[in-house]
Amino acid sequence: MAQSASSTDLDQLFEDLGHPNPYLQTEAFLAMVRNHADAALPRLLLLLDQEDVVRRRAAVRALGAFAERAMVPLAQKFQASHDATVRASCVKAYAQVASNFRGIPFPPEAMAALEAALADESPVVAIAAVMALGQVGEQAVPLLIQVCLGKNEAQAVAAVNALVGIDHPDVATCLYQLAGAESTDSYVRETVNSAVARLDDLRARQPAASPSASA
């Protein structure tokens, strides 16, 4: 009887998840995480196949609340899907996880899925992957640098914009290298120059270390 009541509660939460009110959606998926995580996760993954945009987007937001629990299942869903919309939704769910849980380590399966997404035949998936990696942060710096140095101009611009928000020494090295290289595409160079100006401005604003600090 308790199991039946629990199942009924979860069904109601999924009904609320489909409501157009974002507040009700949020309350629903937070309750799923608290009380029904094991049962809710596979159902949320199935919602990524939905043609109903409201439910699919709500499922992406919901999966972002499951933290590391969602990482490997999302990778499996991504790798198994032949639908670009589903793959894009998996990538966007990773972005939600990274945004909700700053600095959370991504397991190898998740990073492999995001790397595969960078080379996806769908431009939507490929760009979404860059944006997600930007949310991942320091762990994603090598992949983002690789994209910056690649031949896909749209991805490179997105990667430059993602990198400039990450505090890592390799970021400045990469951007200055791109700014000084004759081979850098003019479209990419414009974004790089803007990013370098932002870095220079941030450095100028940082207070100089006092002599006593190094004593």
C-alpha atoms as a PDB file:
ATOM      1  CA  MET A   1       0.000   0.000   0.000  1.00  0.00           C
ATOM      2  CA  ALA A   2       2.852   2.373   0.874  1.00  0.00           C
ATOM      3  CA  GLN A   3       4.535   1.522  -2.414  1.00  0.00           C
ATOM      4  CA  SER A   4       1.337   2.356  -4.287  1.00  0.00           C
ATOM      5  CA  ALA A   5       1.051   5.698  -2.497  1.00  0.00           C
ATOM      6  CA  SER A   6       4.691   6.457  -3.280  1.00  0.00           C
ATOM      7  CA  SER A   7       4.108   5.653  -6.937  1.00  0.00           C
ATOM      8  CA  THR A   8       1.062   7.909  -6.953  1.00  0.00           C
ATOM      9  CA  ASP A   9       3.093  10.716  -5.413  1.00  0.00           C
ATOM     10  CA  LEU A  10       5.748  10.359  -8.112  1.00  0.00           C
ATOM     11  CA  ASP A  11       3.100  10.354 -10.855  1.00  0.00           C
ATOM     12  CA  GLN A  12       1.772  13.623  -9.469  1.00  0.00           C
ATOM     13  CA  LEU A  13       5.257  15.118  -9.424  1.00  0.00           C
ATOM     14  CA  PHE A  14       5.647  14.240 -13.106  1.00  0.00           C
ATOM     15  CA  GLU A  15       2.314  15.911 -13.779  1.00  0.00           C
ATOM     16  CA  ASP A  16       3.590  19.035 -12.018  1.00  0.00           C
ATOM     17  CA  LEU A  17       6.817  18.825 -14.009  1.00  0.00           C
ATOM     18  CA  GLY A  18       4.778  19.296 -17.186  1.00  0.00           C
ATOM     19  CA  HIS A  19       3.138  22.453 -15.842  1.00  0.00           C
ATOM     20  CA  PRO A  20       4.161  25.649 -17.678  1.00  0.00           C
ATOM     21  CA  ASN A  21       4.864  27.389 -14.352  1.00  0.00           C
ATOM     22  CA  PRO A  22       8.675  27.131 -13.761  1.00  0.00           C
ATOM     23  CA  TYR A  23       8.187  27.378  -9.986  1.00  0.00           C
ATOM     24  CA  LEU A  24       5.937  24.306  -9.930  1.00  0.00           C
ATOM     25  CA  GLN A  25       8.394  22.474 -12.160  1.00  0.00           C
ATOM     26  CA  THR A  26      11.257  23.270  -9.800  1.00  0.00           C
ATOM     27  CA  GLU A  27       9.327  22.175  -6.728  1.00  0.00           C
ATOM     28  CA  ALA A  28       8.421  18.933  -8.499  1.00  0.00           C
ATOM     29  CA  PHE A  29      11.926  17.908  -9.517  1.00  0.00           C
ATOM     30  CA  LEU A  30      13.453  18.899  -6.184  1.00  0.00           C
ATOM     31  CA  ALA A  31      10.917  16.621  -4.509  1.00  0.00           C
ATOM     32  CA  MET A  32      11.923  13.872  -6.953  1.00  0.00           C
ATOM     33  CA  VAL A  33      15.570  14.244  -5.941  1.00  0.00           C
ATOM     34  CA  ARG A  34      14.697  14.191  -2.229  1.00  0.00           C
ATOM     35  CA  ASN A  35      12.173  11.370  -2.193  1.00  0.00           C
ATOM     36  CA  HIS A  36      12.164   9.361  -5.430  1.00  0.00           C
ATOM     37  CA  ALA A  37      15.636   9.689  -6.980  1.00  0.00           C
ATOM     38  CA  ASP A  38      16.069   6.068  -8.089  1.00  0.00           C
ATOM     39  CA  ALA A  39      12.590   5.819  -9.608  1.00  0.00           C
ATOM     40  CA  ALA A  40      12.504   9.319 -11.112  1.00  0.00           C
ATOM     41  CA  LEU A  41      15.839   9.333 -12.939  1.00  0.00           C
ATOM     42  CA  PRO A  42      15.015   6.732 -15.641  1.00  0.00           C
ATOM     43  CA  ARG A  43      11.635   8.361 -16.247  1.00  0.00           C
ATOM     44  CA  LEU A  44      13.282  11.752 -16.684  1.00  0.00           C
ATOM     45  CA  LEU A  45      15.709  10.281 -19.202  1.00  0.00           C
ATOM     46  CA  LEU A  46      12.757   8.923 -21.166  1.00  0.00           C
ATOM     47  CA  LEU A  47      11.236  12.409 -21.248  1.00  0.00           C
ATOM     48  CA  LEU A  48      14.199  13.576 -23.320  1.00  0.00           C
ATOM     49  CA  ASP A  49      12.573  11.671 -26.206  1.00  0.00           C
ATOM     50  CA  GLN A  50       9.368  13.708 -25.828  1.00  0.00           C
ATOM     51  CA  GLU A  51       8.206  15.935 -28.666  1.00  0.00           C
ATOM     52  CA  ASP A  52       6.503  18.107 -26.039  1.00  0.00           C
ATOM     53  CA  VAL A  53       9.034  20.933 -25.699  1.00  0.00           C
ATOM     54  CA  VAL A  54       7.806  21.990 -22.248  1.00  0.00           C
ATOM     55  CA  ARG A  55       8.239  18.511 -20.799  1.00  0.00           C
ATOM     56  CA  ARG A  56      11.576  17.927 -22.510  1.00  0.00           C
ATOM     57  CA  ARG A  57      13.029  21.208 -21.275  1.00  0.00           C
ATOM     58  CA  ALA A  58      11.647  20.571 -17.806  1.00  0.00           C
ATOM     59  CA  ALA A  59      13.329  17.152 -17.836  1.00  0.00           C
ATOM     60  CA  VAL A  60      16.652  18.797 -18.754  1.00  0.00           C
ATOM     61  CA  ARG A  61      16.309  21.174 -15.802  1.00  0.00           C
ATOM     62  CA  ALA A  62      15.305  18.302 -13.533  1.00  0.00           C
ATOM     63  CA  LEU A  63      18.259  16.120 -14.524  1.00  0.00           C
ATOM     64  CA  GLY A  64      20.526  19.026 -13.638  1.00  0.00           C
ATOM     65  CA  ALA A  65      19.428  18.653 -10.022  1.00  0.00           C
ATOM     66  CA  PHE A  66      20.566  15.022  -9.787  1.00  0.00           C
ATOM     67  CA  ALA A  67      24.282  15.927  -9.749  1.00  0.00           C
ATOM     68  CA  GLU A  68      26.680  12.975 -10.112  1.00  0.00           C
ATOM     69  CA  ARG A  69      23.800  10.499 -10.084  1.00  0.00           C
ATOM     70  CA  ALA A  70      22.802  11.654 -13.578  1.00  0.00           C
ATOM     71  CA  MET A  71      26.289  11.726 -15.120  1.00  0.00           C
ATOM     72  CA  VAL A  72      26.736   8.181 -16.430  1.00  0.00           C
ATOM     73  CA  PRO A  73      23.056   7.623 -17.376  1.00  0.00           C
ATOM     74  CA  LEU A  74      23.187  10.805 -19.477  1.00  0.00           C
ATOM     75  CA  ALA A  75      26.338   9.562 -21.211  1.00  0.00           C
ATOM     76  CA  GLN A  76      24.643   6.260 -21.985  1.00  0.00           C
ATOM     77  CA  LYS A  77      21.562   8.063 -23.304  1.00  0.00           C
ATOM     78  CA  PHE A  78      23.710  10.340 -25.467  1.00  0.00           C
ATOM     79  CA  GLN A  79      25.756   7.514 -26.968  1.00  0.00           C
ATOM     80  CA  ALA A  80      22.686   5.388 -27.701  1.00  0.00           C
ATOM     81  CA  SER A  81      20.545   8.067 -29.351  1.00  0.00           C
ATOM     82  CA  HIS A  82      20.260   8.659 -33.095  1.00  0.00           C
ATOM     83  CA  ASP A  83      18.130  11.762 -32.491  1.00  0.00           C
ATOM     84  CA  ALA A  84      20.034  15.055 -32.486  1.00  0.00           C
ATOM     85  CA  THR A  85      17.403  16.693 -30.276  1.00  0.00           C
ATOM     86  CA  VAL A  86      17.871  14.003 -27.638  1.00  0.00           C
ATOM     87  CA  ARG A  87      21.661  14.308 -27.811  1.00  0.00           C
ATOM     88  CA  ALA A  88      21.401  18.085 -27.470  1.00  0.00           C
ATOM     89  CA  SER A  89      19.139  17.629 -24.454  1.00  0.00           C
ATOM     90  CA  CYS A  90      21.700  15.334 -22.812  1.00  0.00           C
ATOM     91  CA  VAL A  91      24.415  17.932 -23.349  1.00  0.00           C
ATOM     92  CA  LYS A  92      22.199  20.709 -21.986  1.00  0.00           C
ATOM     93  CA  ALA A  93      21.466  18.571 -18.924  1.00  0.00           C
ATOM     94  CA  TYR A  94      25.224  18.328 -18.317  1.00  0.00           C
ATOM     95  CA  ALA A  95      25.376  22.126 -18.498  1.00  0.00           C
ATOM     96  CA  GLN A  96      22.635  22.284 -15.881  1.00  0.00           C
ATOM     97  CA  VAL A  97      24.523  19.900 -13.590  1.00  0.00           C
ATOM     98  CA  ALA A  98      27.715  21.946 -13.908  1.00  0.00           C
ATOM     99  CA  SER A  99      25.852  25.198 -13.321  1.00  0.00           C
ATOM    100  CA  ASN A 100      23.981  23.886 -10.275  1.00  0.00           C
ATOM    101  CA  PHE A 101      27.017  22.206  -8.692  1.00  0.00           C
ATOM    102  CA  ARG A 102      30.034  24.403  -9.397  1.00  0.00           C
ATOM    103  CA  GLY A 103      33.280  22.465  -9.541  1.00  0.00           C
ATOM    104  CA  ILE A 104      31.618  19.040  -9.497  1.00  0.00           C
ATOM    105  CA  PRO A 105      33.997  16.485 -11.066  1.00  0.00           C
ATOM    106  CA  PHE A 106      32.732  14.985 -14.304  1.00  0.00           C
ATOM    107  CA  PRO A 107      33.512  11.251 -14.638  1.00  0.00           C
ATOM    108  CA  PRO A 108      35.330   9.929 -17.738  1.00  0.00           C
ATOM    109  CA  GLU A 109      32.053   8.741 -19.279  1.00  0.00           C
ATOM    110  CA  ALA A 110      30.562  12.229 -19.099  1.00  0.00           C
ATOM    111  CA  MET A 111      33.666  13.923 -20.479  1.00  0.00           C
ATOM    112  CA  ALA A 112      33.805  11.361 -23.305  1.00  0.00           C
ATOM    113  CA  ALA A 113      30.180  12.138 -24.180  1.00  0.00           C
ATOM    114  CA  LEU A 114      30.882  15.882 -24.249  1.00  0.00           C
ATOM    115  CA  GLU A 115      33.986  15.351 -26.376  1.00  0.00           C
ATOM    116  CA  ALA A 116      31.952  13.250 -28.807  1.00  0.00           C
ATOM    117  CA  ALA A 117      29.311  15.982 -28.852  1.00  0.00           C
ATOM    118  CA  LEU A 118      31.924  18.480 -30.048  1.00  0.00           C
ATOM    119  CA  ALA A 119      32.235  16.472 -33.267  1.00  0.00           C
ATOM    120  CA  ASP A 120      28.499  15.813 -33.606  1.00  0.00           C
ATOM    121  CA  GLU A 121      27.004  16.093 -37.089  1.00  0.00           C
ATOM    122  CA  SER A 122      24.359  18.425 -35.641  1.00  0.00           C
ATOM    123  CA  PRO A 123      25.629  22.008 -35.218  1.00  0.00           C
ATOM    124  CA  VAL A 124      23.149  22.474 -32.380  1.00  0.00           C
ATOM    125  CA  VAL A 125      24.685  19.599 -30.439  1.00  0.00           C
ATOM    126  CA  ALA A 126      28.238  20.711 -31.216  1.00  0.00           C
ATOM    127  CA  ILE A 127      27.681  24.291 -30.020  1.00  0.00           C
ATOM    128  CA  ALA A 128      25.727  23.107 -26.972  1.00  0.00           C
ATOM    129  CA  ALA A 129      28.744  20.964 -26.071  1.00  0.00           C
ATOM    130  CA  VAL A 130      31.020  24.009 -26.051  1.00  0.00           C
ATOM    131  CA  MET A 131      28.604  25.886 -23.826  1.00  0.00           C
ATOM    132  CA  ALA A 132      28.354  22.921 -21.460  1.00  0.00           C
ATOM    133  CA  LEU A 133      32.140  22.623 -21.253  1.00  0.00           C
ATOM    134  CA  GLY A 134      32.284  26.291 -20.364  1.00  0.00           C
ATOM    135  CA  GLN A 135      30.061  25.515 -17.377  1.00  0.00           C
ATOM    136  CA  VAL A 136      32.226  22.525 -16.416  1.00  0.00           C
ATOM    137  CA  GLY A 137      35.143  24.904 -15.934  1.00  0.00           C
ATOM    138  CA  GLU A 138      38.777  23.971 -15.247  1.00  0.00           C
ATOM    139  CA  GLN A 139      38.323  20.284 -16.051  1.00  0.00           C
ATOM    140  CA  ALA A 140      37.188  21.260 -19.554  1.00  0.00           C
ATOM    141  CA  VAL A 141      40.013  23.696 -20.353  1.00  0.00           C
ATOM    142  CA  PRO A 142      42.055  21.219 -22.499  1.00  0.00           C
ATOM    143  CA  LEU A 143      39.021  20.392 -24.640  1.00  0.00           C
ATOM    144  CA  LEU A 144      38.038  24.037 -25.016  1.00  0.00           C
ATOM    145  CA  ILE A 145      41.574  24.963 -26.061  1.00  0.00           C
ATOM    146  CA  GLN A 146      41.469  22.160 -28.611  1.00  0.00           C
ATOM    147  CA  VAL A 147      38.263  23.659 -30.027  1.00  0.00           C
ATOM    148  CA  CYS A 148      39.784  27.160 -30.119  1.00  0.00           C
ATOM    149  CA  LEU A 149      42.645  25.840 -32.225  1.00  0.00           C
ATOM    150  CA  GLY A 150      40.336  23.880 -34.528  1.00  0.00           C
ATOM    151  CA  LYS A 151      38.896  24.809 -37.916  1.00  0.00           C
ATOM    152  CA  ASN A 152      35.249  25.249 -36.922  1.00  0.00           C
ATOM    153  CA  GLU A 153      34.966  29.028 -36.586  1.00  0.00           C
ATOM    154  CA  ALA A 154      31.565  29.066 -34.863  1.00  0.00           C
ATOM    155  CA  GLN A 155      32.731  26.553 -32.279  1.00  0.00           C
ATOM    156  CA  ALA A 156      36.019  28.388 -31.805  1.00  0.00           C
ATOM    157  CA  VAL A 157      34.234  31.657 -31.069  1.00  0.00           C
ATOM    158  CA  ALA A 158      31.985  29.925 -28.552  1.00  0.00           C
ATOM    159  CA  ALA A 159      35.017  28.251 -26.966  1.00  0.00           C
ATOM    160  CA  VAL A 160      36.875  31.568 -26.640  1.00  0.00           C
ATOM    161  CA  ASN A 161      33.859  33.081 -24.906  1.00  0.00           C
ATOM    162  CA  ALA A 162      33.661  30.043 -22.616  1.00  0.00           C
ATOM    163  CA  LEU A 163      37.378  30.095 -21.779  1.00  0.00           C
ATOM    164  CA  VAL A 164      37.522  33.761 -20.837  1.00  0.00           C
ATOM    165  CA  GLY A 165      35.222  33.028 -17.894  1.00  0.00           C
ATOM    166  CA  ILE A 166      37.511  30.304 -16.484  1.00  0.00           C
ATOM    167  CA  ASP A 167      40.313  31.251 -14.111  1.00  0.00           C
ATOM    168  CA  HIS A 168      43.134  29.027 -15.344  1.00  0.00           C
ATOM    169  CA  PRO A 169      46.672  29.974 -16.492  1.00  0.00           C
ATOM    170  CA  ASP A 170      46.378  27.981 -19.732  1.00  0.00           C
ATOM    171  CA  VAL A 171      43.488  30.189 -20.812  1.00  0.00           C
ATOM    172  CA  ALA A 172      45.591  33.333 -21.143  1.00  0.00           C
ATOM    173  CA  THR A 173      48.365  31.403 -22.891  1.00  0.00           C
ATOM    174  CA  CYS A 174      45.922  30.076 -25.479  1.00  0.00           C
ATOM    175  CA  LEU A 175      44.238  33.423 -26.103  1.00  0.00           C
ATOM    176  CA  TYR A 176      47.504  35.333 -26.493  1.00  0.00           C
ATOM    177  CA  GLN A 177      48.738  32.614 -28.865  1.00  0.00           C
ATOM    178  CA  LEU A 178      45.604  32.933 -31.003  1.00  0.00           C
ATOM    179  CA  ALA A 179      45.809  36.723 -30.977  1.00  0.00           C
ATOM    180  CA  GLY A 180      49.368  36.623 -32.275  1.00  0.00           C
ATOM    181  CA  ALA A 181      48.985  33.866 -34.859  1.00  0.00           C
ATOM    182  CA  GLU A 182      48.591  34.909 -38.500  1.00  0.00           C
ATOM    183  CA  SER A 183      46.605  31.762 -39.202  1.00  0.00           C
ATOM    184  CA  THR A 184      43.781  32.739 -36.804  1.00  0.00           C
ATOM    185  CA  ASP A 185      40.536  33.278 -38.698  1.00  0.00           C
ATOM    186  CA  SER A 186      39.487  36.943 -38.788  1.00  0.00           C
ATOM    187  CA  TYR A 187      36.067  36.114 -37.293  1.00  0.00           C
ATOM    188  CA  VAL A 188      37.723  34.234 -34.430  1.00  0.00           C
ATOM    189  CA  ARG A 189      40.419  36.892 -34.013  1.00  0.00           C
ATOM    190  CA  GLU A 190      37.799  39.570 -33.352  1.00  0.00           C
ATOM    191  CA  THR A 191      36.436  37.545 -30.433  1.00  0.00           C
ATOM    192  CA  VAL A 192      39.940  36.665 -29.224  1.00  0.00           C
ATOM    193  CA  ASN A 193      41.007  40.314 -29.200  1.00  0.00           C
ATOM    194  CA  SER A 194      37.943  41.205 -27.162  1.00  0.00           C
ATOM    195  CA  ALA A 195      38.679  38.342 -24.750  1.00  0.00           C
ATOM    196  CA  VAL A 196      42.326  39.395 -24.391  1.00  0.00           C
ATOM    197  CA  ALA A 197      41.218  42.955 -23.634  1.00  0.00           C
ATOM    198  CA  ARG A 198      38.970  41.602 -20.884  1.00  0.00           C
ATOM    199  CA  LEU A 199      41.839  39.574 -19.423  1.00  0.00           C
ATOM    200  CA  ASP A 200      44.162  42.581 -19.510  1.00  0.00           C
ATOM    201  CA  ASP A 201      41.515  44.697 -17.820  1.00  0.00           C
ATOM    202  CA  LEU A 202      41.013  42.099 -15.086  1.00  0.00           C
ATOM    203  CA  ARG A 203      44.752  41.900 -14.499  1.00  0.00           C
ATOM    204  CA  ALA A 204      45.023  45.682 -14.292  1.00  0.00           C
ATOM    205  CA  ARG A 205      42.281  45.740 -11.666  1.00  0.00           C
ATOM    206  CA  GLN A 206      43.963  43.141  -9.456  1.00  0.00           C
ATOM    207  CA  PRO A 207      45.792  44.743  -6.517  1.00  0.00           C
ATOM    208  CA  ALA A 208      49.561  44.355  -6.583  1.00  0.00           C
ATOM    209  CA  ALA A 209      50.984  42.058  -3.919  1.00  0.00           C
ATOM    210  CA  SER A 210      52.354  44.010  -0.990  1.00  0.00           C
ATOM    211  CA  PRO A 211      56.054  43.583  -0.078  1.00  0.00           C
ATOM    212  CA  SER A 212      55.086  42.136   3.290  1.00  0.00           C
ATOM    213  CA  ALA A 213      53.038  39.395   1.625  1.00  0.00           C
ATOM    214  CA  SER A 214      56.176  37.857   0.120  1.00  0.00           C
ATOM    215  CA  ALA A 215      58.343  38.366   3.190  1.00  0.00           C
END
